[in-house]
Amino acid sequence: MKTIPFTIPGIAIALRNVFDPETGFNIVDMGLLYGLEIENNAVIITLTYSSPACPLGEVIQQDIRTQINEFFGVTNIQLRIIFDPQWKPEMMSNAAKDAM
């Protein structure tokens, strides 16, 4: 049996190093992260952007892939970008709200 070298809490920690370039906050504290799954040695991340027309969405996606790969050596990363529910500032962590 092959041991999966990553865990959902570990993935969430790694994703704290991915920042929304427009706000300067990480995607976890921004509330952009909607779900994490591990399935067949793949990391499946469900997220949104603060705006459906986010001009830097590709940058965020690449940063996610880079962080997961650097932390865990995982290359099978599937990103599901959704806009329902739509992101709202209320979804931010208290720390991010306080910093704003």
PDB file of N, CA and C in Angstrom:
ATOM      1  N   MET A   1       0.847  -1.178   0.000  1.00  0.00           N
ATOM      2  CA  MET A   1       0.000   0.000   0.000  1.00  0.00           C
ATOM      3  C   MET A   1       0.892   1.242   0.000  1.00  0.00           C
ATOM      4  N   LYS A   2       0.601   2.180  -0.884  1.00  0.00           N
ATOM      5  CA  LYS A   2       1.364   3.414  -0.984  1.00  0.00           C
ATOM      6  C   LYS A   2       0.824   4.426   0.018  1.00  0.00           C
ATOM      7  N   THR A   3       1.718   5.071   0.727  1.00  0.00           N
ATOM      8  CA  THR A   3       1.321   6.086   1.691  1.00  0.00           C
ATOM      9  C   THR A   3       1.166   7.428   0.980  1.00  0.00           C
ATOM     10  N   ILE A   4       0.060   8.083   1.203  1.00  0.00           N
ATOM     11  CA  ILE A   4      -0.150   9.413   0.625  1.00  0.00           C
ATOM     12  C   ILE A   4       0.690  10.401   1.437  1.00  0.00           C
ATOM     13  N   PRO A   5       1.562  11.173   0.775  1.00  0.00           N
ATOM     14  CA  PRO A   5       2.493  12.042   1.498  1.00  0.00           C
ATOM     15  C   PRO A   5       1.914  13.383   1.910  1.00  0.00           C
ATOM     16  N   PHE A   6       0.606  13.491   1.894  1.00  0.00           N
ATOM     17  CA  PHE A   6       0.015  14.784   2.238  1.00  0.00           C
ATOM     18  C   PHE A   6      -1.296  14.558   2.965  1.00  0.00           C
ATOM     19  N   THR A   7      -1.733  15.569   3.672  1.00  0.00           N
ATOM     20  CA  THR A   7      -2.994  15.500   4.395  1.00  0.00           C
ATOM     21  C   THR A   7      -3.769  16.781   4.120  1.00  0.00           C
ATOM     22  N   ILE A   8      -5.040  16.736   4.362  1.00  0.00           N
ATOM     23  CA  ILE A   8      -5.854  17.930   4.137  1.00  0.00           C
ATOM     24  C   ILE A   8      -5.390  19.086   5.029  1.00  0.00           C
ATOM     25  N   PRO A   9      -5.124  18.888   6.344  1.00  0.00           N
ATOM     26  CA  PRO A   9      -4.600  20.021   7.130  1.00  0.00           C
ATOM     27  C   PRO A   9      -3.270  20.530   6.571  1.00  0.00           C
ATOM     28  N   GLY A  10      -2.425  19.631   6.108  1.00  0.00           N
ATOM     29  CA  GLY A  10      -1.151  20.046   5.531  1.00  0.00           C
ATOM     30  C   GLY A  10      -1.337  20.879   4.281  1.00  0.00           C
ATOM     31  N   ILE A  11      -2.306  20.492   3.460  1.00  0.00           N
ATOM     32  CA  ILE A  11      -2.591  21.248   2.246  1.00  0.00           C
ATOM     33  C   ILE A  11      -3.060  22.654   2.612  1.00  0.00           C
ATOM     34  N   ALA A  12      -3.926  22.744   3.605  1.00  0.00           N
ATOM     35  CA  ALA A  12      -4.419  24.061   4.024  1.00  0.00           C
ATOM     36  C   ALA A  12      -3.274  24.944   4.508  1.00  0.00           C
ATOM     37  N   ILE A  13      -2.317  24.362   5.202  1.00  0.00           N
ATOM     38  CA  ILE A  13      -1.153  25.133   5.657  1.00  0.00           C
ATOM     39  C   ILE A  13      -0.357  25.618   4.454  1.00  0.00           C
ATOM     40  N   ALA A  14      -0.125  24.748   3.487  1.00  0.00           N
ATOM     41  CA  ALA A  14       0.621  25.140   2.288  1.00  0.00           C
ATOM     42  C   ALA A  14      -0.098  26.255   1.539  1.00  0.00           C
ATOM     43  N   LEU A  15      -1.424  26.207   1.505  1.00  0.00           N
ATOM     44  CA  LEU A  15      -2.181  27.211   0.766  1.00  0.00           C
ATOM     45  C   LEU A  15      -2.180  28.572   1.446  1.00  0.00           C
ATOM     46  N   ARG A  16      -1.754  28.632   2.692  1.00  0.00           N
ATOM     47  CA  ARG A  16      -1.599  29.936   3.342  1.00  0.00           C
ATOM     48  C   ARG A  16      -0.440  30.731   2.735  1.00  0.00           C
ATOM     49  N   ASN A  17       0.345  30.081   1.887  1.00  0.00           N
ATOM     50  CA  ASN A  17       1.432  30.757   1.181  1.00  0.00           C
ATOM     51  C   ASN A  17       1.009  31.247  -0.202  1.00  0.00           C
ATOM     52  N   VAL A  18      -0.266  31.081  -0.532  1.00  0.00           N
ATOM     53  CA  VAL A  18      -0.790  31.557  -1.810  1.00  0.00           C
ATOM     54  C   VAL A  18      -1.587  32.824  -1.538  1.00  0.00           C
ATOM     55  N   PHE A  19      -1.166  33.914  -2.150  1.00  0.00           N
ATOM     56  CA  PHE A  19      -1.780  35.210  -1.873  1.00  0.00           C
ATOM     57  C   PHE A  19      -2.599  35.706  -3.055  1.00  0.00           C
ATOM     58  N   ASP A  20      -3.693  36.351  -2.732  1.00  0.00           N
ATOM     59  CA  ASP A  20      -4.473  37.063  -3.740  1.00  0.00           C
ATOM     60  C   ASP A  20      -3.681  38.331  -4.038  1.00  0.00           C
ATOM     61  N   PRO A  21      -3.130  38.465  -5.232  1.00  0.00           N
ATOM     62  CA  PRO A  21      -2.260  39.610  -5.527  1.00  0.00           C
ATOM     63  C   PRO A  21      -2.946  40.961  -5.375  1.00  0.00           C
ATOM     64  N   GLU A  22      -4.255  40.987  -5.513  1.00  0.00           N
ATOM     65  CA  GLU A  22      -4.965  42.269  -5.419  1.00  0.00           C
ATOM     66  C   GLU A  22      -5.154  42.732  -3.983  1.00  0.00           C
ATOM     67  N   THR A  23      -5.259  41.779  -3.042  1.00  0.00           N
ATOM     68  CA  THR A  23      -5.513  42.164  -1.652  1.00  0.00           C
ATOM     69  C   THR A  23      -4.294  42.005  -0.758  1.00  0.00           C
ATOM     70  N   GLY A  24      -3.392  41.108  -1.140  1.00  0.00           N
ATOM     71  CA  GLY A  24      -2.233  40.831  -0.293  1.00  0.00           C
ATOM     72  C   GLY A  24      -2.502  39.828   0.809  1.00  0.00           C
ATOM     73  N   PHE A  25      -3.717  39.271   0.860  1.00  0.00           N
ATOM     74  CA  PHE A  25      -4.063  38.268   1.856  1.00  0.00           C
ATOM     75  C   PHE A  25      -3.990  36.880   1.228  1.00  0.00           C
ATOM     76  N   ASN A  26      -3.701  35.879   2.078  1.00  0.00           N
ATOM     77  CA  ASN A  26      -3.663  34.520   1.533  1.00  0.00           C
ATOM     78  C   ASN A  26      -5.086  34.038   1.248  1.00  0.00           C
ATOM     79  N   ILE A  27      -5.176  33.056   0.348  1.00  0.00           N
ATOM     80  CA  ILE A  27      -6.493  32.612  -0.108  1.00  0.00           C
ATOM     81  C   ILE A  27      -7.302  31.915   0.984  1.00  0.00           C
ATOM     82  N   VAL A  28      -6.627  31.379   1.991  1.00  0.00           N
ATOM     83  CA  VAL A  28      -7.344  30.738   3.103  1.00  0.00           C
ATOM     84  C   VAL A  28      -8.020  31.816   3.944  1.00  0.00           C
ATOM     85  N   ASP A  29      -7.259  32.837   4.357  1.00  0.00           N
ATOM     86  CA  ASP A  29      -7.841  33.914   5.162  1.00  0.00           C
ATOM     87  C   ASP A  29      -8.852  34.748   4.383  1.00  0.00           C
ATOM     88  N   MET A  30      -8.683  34.807   3.068  1.00  0.00           N
ATOM     89  CA  MET A  30      -9.649  35.525   2.234  1.00  0.00           C
ATOM     90  C   MET A  30     -10.983  34.799   2.159  1.00  0.00           C
ATOM     91  N   GLY A  31     -10.990  33.500   2.476  1.00  0.00           N
ATOM     92  CA  GLY A  31     -12.218  32.722   2.373  1.00  0.00           C
ATOM     93  C   GLY A  31     -12.481  32.248   0.952  1.00  0.00           C
ATOM     94  N   LEU A  32     -11.433  32.220   0.134  1.00  0.00           N
ATOM     95  CA  LEU A  32     -11.583  31.787  -1.257  1.00  0.00           C
ATOM     96  C   LEU A  32     -11.544  30.270  -1.408  1.00  0.00           C
ATOM     97  N   LEU A  33     -11.080  29.594  -0.391  1.00  0.00           N
ATOM     98  CA  LEU A  33     -10.952  28.146  -0.417  1.00  0.00           C
ATOM     99  C   LEU A  33     -12.272  27.519   0.033  1.00  0.00           C
ATOM    100  N   TYR A  34     -12.907  26.761  -0.845  1.00  0.00           N
ATOM    101  CA  TYR A  34     -14.207  26.161  -0.532  1.00  0.00           C
ATOM    102  C   TYR A  34     -14.115  24.683  -0.177  1.00  0.00           C
ATOM    103  N   GLY A  35     -13.078  23.994  -0.650  1.00  0.00           N
ATOM    104  CA  GLY A  35     -12.999  22.578  -0.344  1.00  0.00           C
ATOM    105  C   GLY A  35     -11.667  21.968  -0.716  1.00  0.00           C
ATOM    106  N   LEU A  36     -11.285  20.928   0.044  1.00  0.00           N
ATOM    107  CA  LEU A  36     -10.067  20.165  -0.212  1.00  0.00           C
ATOM    108  C   LEU A  36     -10.426  18.686  -0.168  1.00  0.00           C
ATOM    109  N   GLU A  37      -9.922  17.945  -1.139  1.00  0.00           N
ATOM    110  CA  GLU A  37     -10.148  16.502  -1.163  1.00  0.00           C
ATOM    111  C   GLU A  37      -8.865  15.814  -1.602  1.00  0.00           C
ATOM    112  N   ILE A  38      -8.721  14.589  -1.188  1.00  0.00           N
ATOM    113  CA  ILE A  38      -7.655  13.728  -1.675  1.00  0.00           C
ATOM    114  C   ILE A  38      -8.351  12.511  -2.262  1.00  0.00           C
ATOM    115  N   GLU A  39      -8.093  12.267  -3.542  1.00  0.00           N
ATOM    116  CA  GLU A  39      -8.752  11.156  -4.219  1.00  0.00           C
ATOM    117  C   GLU A  39      -7.765  10.532  -5.201  1.00  0.00           C
ATOM    118  N   ASN A  40      -7.480   9.250  -5.025  1.00  0.00           N
ATOM    119  CA  ASN A  40      -6.569   8.531  -5.915  1.00  0.00           C
ATOM    120  C   ASN A  40      -5.230   9.260  -6.074  1.00  0.00           C
ATOM    121  N   ASN A  41      -4.657   9.667  -4.962  1.00  0.00           N
ATOM    122  CA  ASN A  41      -3.378  10.385  -4.933  1.00  0.00           C
ATOM    123  C   ASN A  41      -3.411  11.709  -5.681  1.00  0.00           C
ATOM    124  N   ALA A  42      -4.585  12.278  -5.840  1.00  0.00           N
ATOM    125  CA  ALA A  42      -4.730  13.609  -6.435  1.00  0.00           C
ATOM    126  C   ALA A  42      -5.229  14.567  -5.359  1.00  0.00           C
ATOM    127  N   VAL A  43      -4.766  15.788  -5.425  1.00  0.00           N
ATOM    128  CA  VAL A  43      -5.277  16.846  -4.565  1.00  0.00           C
ATOM    129  C   VAL A  43      -6.315  17.602  -5.389  1.00  0.00           C
ATOM    130  N   ILE A  44      -7.525  17.668  -4.865  1.00  0.00           N
ATOM    131  CA  ILE A  44      -8.611  18.370  -5.543  1.00  0.00           C
ATOM    132  C   ILE A  44      -8.978  19.572  -4.685  1.00  0.00           C
ATOM    133  N   ILE A  45      -8.844  20.748  -5.258  1.00  0.00           N
ATOM    134  CA  ILE A  45      -9.071  21.988  -4.525  1.00  0.00           C
ATOM    135  C   ILE A  45     -10.221  22.735  -5.185  1.00  0.00           C
ATOM    136  N   THR A  46     -11.235  23.046  -4.396  1.00  0.00           N
ATOM    137  CA  THR A  46     -12.358  23.831  -4.881  1.00  0.00           C
ATOM    138  C   THR A  46     -12.202  25.231  -4.300  1.00  0.00           C
ATOM    139  N   LEU A  47     -12.217  26.218  -5.183  1.00  0.00           N
ATOM    140  CA  LEU A  47     -12.029  27.593  -4.740  1.00  0.00           C
ATOM    141  C   LEU A  47     -12.778  28.545  -5.634  1.00  0.00           C
ATOM    142  N   THR A  48     -12.761  29.780  -5.235  1.00  0.00           N
ATOM    143  CA  THR A  48     -13.368  30.851  -6.008  1.00  0.00           C
ATOM    144  C   THR A  48     -12.396  32.010  -6.041  1.00  0.00           C
ATOM    145  N   TYR A  49     -12.785  33.050  -6.708  1.00  0.00           N
ATOM    146  CA  TYR A  49     -12.037  34.310  -6.705  1.00  0.00           C
ATOM    147  C   TYR A  49     -12.932  35.370  -6.094  1.00  0.00           C
ATOM    148  N   SER A  50     -12.330  36.469  -5.688  1.00  0.00           N
ATOM    149  CA  SER A  50     -13.134  37.544  -5.112  1.00  0.00           C
ATOM    150  C   SER A  50     -14.031  38.188  -6.165  1.00  0.00           C
ATOM    151  N   SER A  51     -13.714  37.937  -7.435  1.00  0.00           N
ATOM    152  CA  SER A  51     -14.530  38.443  -8.535  1.00  0.00           C
ATOM    153  C   SER A  51     -14.478  37.431  -9.675  1.00  0.00           C
ATOM    154  N   PRO A  52     -15.611  37.148 -10.324  1.00  0.00           N
ATOM    155  CA  PRO A  52     -15.579  36.223 -11.458  1.00  0.00           C
ATOM    156  C   PRO A  52     -14.649  36.696 -12.582  1.00  0.00           C
ATOM    157  N   ALA A  53     -14.409  37.979 -12.657  1.00  0.00           N
ATOM    158  CA  ALA A  53     -13.538  38.524 -13.700  1.00  0.00           C
ATOM    159  C   ALA A  53     -12.124  38.765 -13.176  1.00  0.00           C
ATOM    160  N   CYS A  54     -11.711  37.988 -12.189  1.00  0.00           N
ATOM    161  CA  CYS A  54     -10.395  38.167 -11.566  1.00  0.00           C
ATOM    162  C   CYS A  54      -9.300  38.129 -12.634  1.00  0.00           C
ATOM    163  N   PRO A  55      -8.574  39.230 -12.803  1.00  0.00           N
ATOM    164  CA  PRO A  55      -7.543  39.264 -13.839  1.00  0.00           C
ATOM    165  C   PRO A  55      -6.300  38.445 -13.489  1.00  0.00           C
ATOM    166  N   LEU A  56      -6.168  38.067 -12.228  1.00  0.00           N
ATOM    167  CA  LEU A  56      -4.987  37.342 -11.784  1.00  0.00           C
ATOM    168  C   LEU A  56      -5.295  35.903 -11.367  1.00  0.00           C
ATOM    169  N   GLY A  57      -6.415  35.389 -11.830  1.00  0.00           N
ATOM    170  CA  GLY A  57      -6.797  34.020 -11.494  1.00  0.00           C
ATOM    171  C   GLY A  57      -5.752  32.995 -11.896  1.00  0.00           C
ATOM    172  N   GLU A  58      -5.147  33.178 -13.053  1.00  0.00           N
ATOM    173  CA  GLU A  58      -4.112  32.240 -13.516  1.00  0.00           C
ATOM    174  C   GLU A  58      -2.890  32.274 -12.600  1.00  0.00           C
ATOM    175  N   VAL A  59      -2.574  33.449 -12.073  1.00  0.00           N
ATOM    176  CA  VAL A  59      -1.445  33.589 -11.144  1.00  0.00           C
ATOM    177  C   VAL A  59      -1.739  32.812  -9.868  1.00  0.00           C
ATOM    178  N   ILE A  60      -2.941  32.949  -9.353  1.00  0.00           N
ATOM    179  CA  ILE A  60      -3.341  32.225  -8.143  1.00  0.00           C
ATOM    180  C   ILE A  60      -3.286  30.719  -8.393  1.00  0.00           C
ATOM    181  N   GLN A  61      -3.798  30.273  -9.532  1.00  0.00           N
ATOM    182  CA  GLN A  61      -3.772  28.846  -9.847  1.00  0.00           C
ATOM    183  C   GLN A  61      -2.341  28.317  -9.914  1.00  0.00           C
ATOM    184  N   GLN A  62      -1.455  29.065 -10.548  1.00  0.00           N
ATOM    185  CA  GLN A  62      -0.068  28.617 -10.647  1.00  0.00           C
ATOM    186  C   GLN A  62       0.597  28.592  -9.273  1.00  0.00           C
ATOM    187  N   ASP A  63       0.297  29.583  -8.446  1.00  0.00           N
ATOM    188  CA  ASP A  63       0.855  29.606  -7.083  1.00  0.00           C
ATOM    189  C   ASP A  63       0.371  28.405  -6.274  1.00  0.00           C
ATOM    190  N   ILE A  64      -0.887  28.032  -6.435  1.00  0.00           N
ATOM    191  CA  ILE A  64      -1.417  26.856  -5.740  1.00  0.00           C
ATOM    192  C   ILE A  64      -0.635  25.614  -6.158  1.00  0.00           C
ATOM    193  N   ARG A  65      -0.487  25.422  -7.450  1.00  0.00           N
ATOM    194  CA  ARG A  65       0.233  24.251  -7.955  1.00  0.00           C
ATOM    195  C   ARG A  65       1.681  24.237  -7.446  1.00  0.00           C
ATOM    196  N   THR A  66       2.311  25.391  -7.448  1.00  0.00           N
ATOM    197  CA  THR A  66       3.697  25.489  -6.995  1.00  0.00           C
ATOM    198  C   THR A  66       3.810  25.134  -5.514  1.00  0.00           C
ATOM    199  N   GLN A  67       2.940  25.668  -4.688  1.00  0.00           N
ATOM    200  CA  GLN A  67       3.005  25.407  -3.246  1.00  0.00           C
ATOM    201  C   GLN A  67       2.767  23.934  -2.926  1.00  0.00           C
ATOM    202  N   ILE A  68       1.761  23.332  -3.534  1.00  0.00           N
ATOM    203  CA  ILE A  68       1.465  21.918  -3.262  1.00  0.00           C
ATOM    204  C   ILE A  68       2.629  21.052  -3.734  1.00  0.00           C
ATOM    205  N   ASN A  69       3.171  21.377  -4.883  1.00  0.00           N
ATOM    206  CA  ASN A  69       4.295  20.602  -5.401  1.00  0.00           C
ATOM    207  C   ASN A  69       5.528  20.765  -4.530  1.00  0.00           C
ATOM    208  N   GLU A  70       5.832  21.995  -4.105  1.00  0.00           N
ATOM    209  CA  GLU A  70       7.014  22.226  -3.274  1.00  0.00           C
ATOM    210  C   GLU A  70       6.885  21.591  -1.897  1.00  0.00           C
ATOM    211  N   PHE A  71       5.709  21.659  -1.298  1.00  0.00           N
ATOM    212  CA  PHE A  71       5.516  21.084   0.039  1.00  0.00           C
ATOM    213  C   PHE A  71       5.495  19.564   0.008  1.00  0.00           C
ATOM    214  N   PHE A  72       4.848  18.982  -1.020  1.00  0.00           N
ATOM    215  CA  PHE A  72       4.562  17.553  -0.989  1.00  0.00           C
ATOM    216  C   PHE A  72       5.064  16.764  -2.192  1.00  0.00           C
ATOM    217  N   GLY A  73       5.565  17.443  -3.215  1.00  0.00           N
ATOM    218  CA  GLY A  73       6.015  16.741  -4.413  1.00  0.00           C
ATOM    219  C   GLY A  73       4.867  16.188  -5.237  1.00  0.00           C
ATOM    220  N   VAL A  74       3.680  16.699  -5.020  1.00  0.00           N
ATOM    221  CA  VAL A  74       2.490  16.227  -5.725  1.00  0.00           C
ATOM    222  C   VAL A  74       2.306  17.050  -6.992  1.00  0.00           C
ATOM    223  N   THR A  75       2.099  16.366  -8.101  1.00  0.00           N
ATOM    224  CA  THR A  75       1.853  17.067  -9.358  1.00  0.00           C
ATOM    225  C   THR A  75       0.425  16.875  -9.858  1.00  0.00           C
ATOM    226  N   ASN A  76      -0.290  15.892  -9.302  1.00  0.00           N
ATOM    227  CA  ASN A  76      -1.670  15.652  -9.710  1.00  0.00           C
ATOM    228  C   ASN A  76      -2.578  16.548  -8.868  1.00  0.00           C
ATOM    229  N   ILE A  77      -2.762  17.763  -9.361  1.00  0.00           N
ATOM    230  CA  ILE A  77      -3.542  18.773  -8.648  1.00  0.00           C
ATOM    231  C   ILE A  77      -4.671  19.226  -9.559  1.00  0.00           C
ATOM    232  N   GLN A  78      -5.888  19.068  -9.082  1.00  0.00           N
ATOM    233  CA  GLN A  78      -7.053  19.480  -9.855  1.00  0.00           C
ATOM    234  C   GLN A  78      -7.697  20.671  -9.169  1.00  0.00           C
ATOM    235  N   LEU A  79      -7.882  21.738  -9.926  1.00  0.00           N
ATOM    236  CA  LEU A  79      -8.495  22.943  -9.390  1.00  0.00           C
ATOM    237  C   LEU A  79      -9.893  23.093  -9.962  1.00  0.00           C
ATOM    238  N   ARG A  80     -10.846  23.252  -9.059  1.00  0.00           N
ATOM    239  CA  ARG A  80     -12.238  23.486  -9.460  1.00  0.00           C
ATOM    240  C   ARG A  80     -12.575  24.922  -9.074  1.00  0.00           C
ATOM    241  N   ILE A  81     -12.727  25.753 -10.064  1.00  0.00           N
ATOM    242  CA  ILE A  81     -13.060  27.155  -9.820  1.00  0.00           C
ATOM    243  C   ILE A  81     -14.575  27.288  -9.943  1.00  0.00           C
ATOM    244  N   ILE A  82     -15.204  27.747  -8.862  1.00  0.00           N
ATOM    245  CA  ILE A  82     -16.662  27.896  -8.861  1.00  0.00           C
ATOM    246  C   ILE A  82     -17.024  29.312  -8.417  1.00  0.00           C
ATOM    247  N   PHE A  83     -18.219  29.731  -8.762  1.00  0.00           N
ATOM    248  CA  PHE A  83     -18.679  31.062  -8.366  1.00  0.00           C
ATOM    249  C   PHE A  83     -20.035  31.006  -7.665  1.00  0.00           C
ATOM    250  N   ASP A  84     -20.421  29.820  -7.242  1.00  0.00           N
ATOM    251  CA  ASP A  84     -21.651  29.660  -6.489  1.00  0.00           C
ATOM    252  C   ASP A  84     -21.344  28.753  -5.316  1.00  0.00           C
ATOM    253  N   PRO A  85     -21.293  29.257  -4.121  1.00  0.00           N
ATOM    254  CA  PRO A  85     -21.719  30.600  -3.744  1.00  0.00           C
ATOM    255  C   PRO A  85     -20.680  31.653  -4.114  1.00  0.00           C
ATOM    256  N   GLN A  86     -21.183  32.820  -4.389  1.00  0.00           N
ATOM    257  CA  GLN A  86     -20.320  33.938  -4.726  1.00  0.00           C
ATOM    258  C   GLN A  86     -19.581  34.404  -3.471  1.00  0.00           C
ATOM    259  N   TRP A  87     -18.296  34.741  -3.633  1.00  0.00           N
ATOM    260  CA  TRP A  87     -17.497  35.209  -2.513  1.00  0.00           C
ATOM    261  C   TRP A  87     -18.020  36.556  -2.012  1.00  0.00           C
ATOM    262  N   LYS A  88     -17.985  36.715  -0.689  1.00  0.00           N
ATOM    263  CA  LYS A  88     -18.372  37.975  -0.042  1.00  0.00           C
ATOM    264  C   LYS A  88     -17.327  38.292   1.014  1.00  0.00           C
ATOM    265  N   PRO A  89     -17.098  39.557   1.322  1.00  0.00           N
ATOM    266  CA  PRO A  89     -16.111  39.919   2.346  1.00  0.00           C
ATOM    267  C   PRO A  89     -16.363  39.246   3.697  1.00  0.00           C
ATOM    268  N   GLU A  90     -17.596  38.895   3.983  1.00  0.00           N
ATOM    269  CA  GLU A  90     -17.914  38.229   5.250  1.00  0.00           C
ATOM    270  C   GLU A  90     -17.237  36.877   5.364  1.00  0.00           C
ATOM    271  N   MET A  91     -16.767  36.329   4.249  1.00  0.00           N
ATOM    272  CA  MET A  91     -16.143  35.015   4.251  1.00  0.00           C
ATOM    273  C   MET A  91     -14.684  35.073   4.713  1.00  0.00           C
ATOM    274  N   MET A  92     -14.157  36.268   4.863  1.00  0.00           N
ATOM    275  CA  MET A  92     -12.765  36.435   5.291  1.00  0.00           C
ATOM    276  C   MET A  92     -12.614  36.036   6.759  1.00  0.00           C
ATOM    277  N   SER A  93     -11.409  35.608   7.116  1.00  0.00           N
ATOM    278  CA  SER A  93     -11.129  35.293   8.518  1.00  0.00           C
ATOM    279  C   SER A  93     -11.184  36.596   9.321  1.00  0.00           C
ATOM    280  N   ASN A  94     -11.340  36.455  10.629  1.00  0.00           N
ATOM    281  CA  ASN A  94     -11.347  37.645  11.481  1.00  0.00           C
ATOM    282  C   ASN A  94     -10.045  38.420  11.386  1.00  0.00           C
ATOM    283  N   ALA A  95      -8.931  37.704  11.260  1.00  0.00           N
ATOM    284  CA  ALA A  95      -7.635  38.368  11.140  1.00  0.00           C
ATOM    285  C   ALA A  95      -7.562  39.219   9.873  1.00  0.00           C
ATOM    286  N   ALA A  96      -8.072  38.689   8.781  1.00  0.00           N
ATOM    287  CA  ALA A  96      -8.063  39.450   7.525  1.00  0.00           C
ATOM    288  C   ALA A  96      -9.008  40.638   7.611  1.00  0.00           C
ATOM    289  N   LYS A  97     -10.177  40.426   8.209  1.00  0.00           N
ATOM    290  CA  LYS A  97     -11.131  41.538   8.377  1.00  0.00           C
ATOM    291  C   LYS A  97     -10.507  42.636   9.215  1.00  0.00           C
ATOM    292  N   ASP A  98      -9.855  42.252  10.308  1.00  0.00           N
ATOM    293  CA  ASP A  98      -9.236  43.249  11.184  1.00  0.00           C
ATOM    294  C   ASP A  98      -8.130  44.020  10.470  1.00  0.00           C
ATOM    295  N   ALA A  99      -7.401  43.353   9.610  1.00  0.00           N
ATOM    296  CA  ALA A  99      -6.305  44.009   8.890  1.00  0.00           C
ATOM    297  C   ALA A  99      -6.806  44.976   7.830  1.00  0.00           C
ATOM    298  N   MET A 100      -8.038  44.762   7.366  1.00  0.00           N
ATOM    299  CA  MET A 100      -8.604  45.657   6.355  1.00  0.00           C
ATOM    300  C   MET A 100      -9.035  46.923   7.029  1.00  0.00           C
TER     301      MET A 100
END
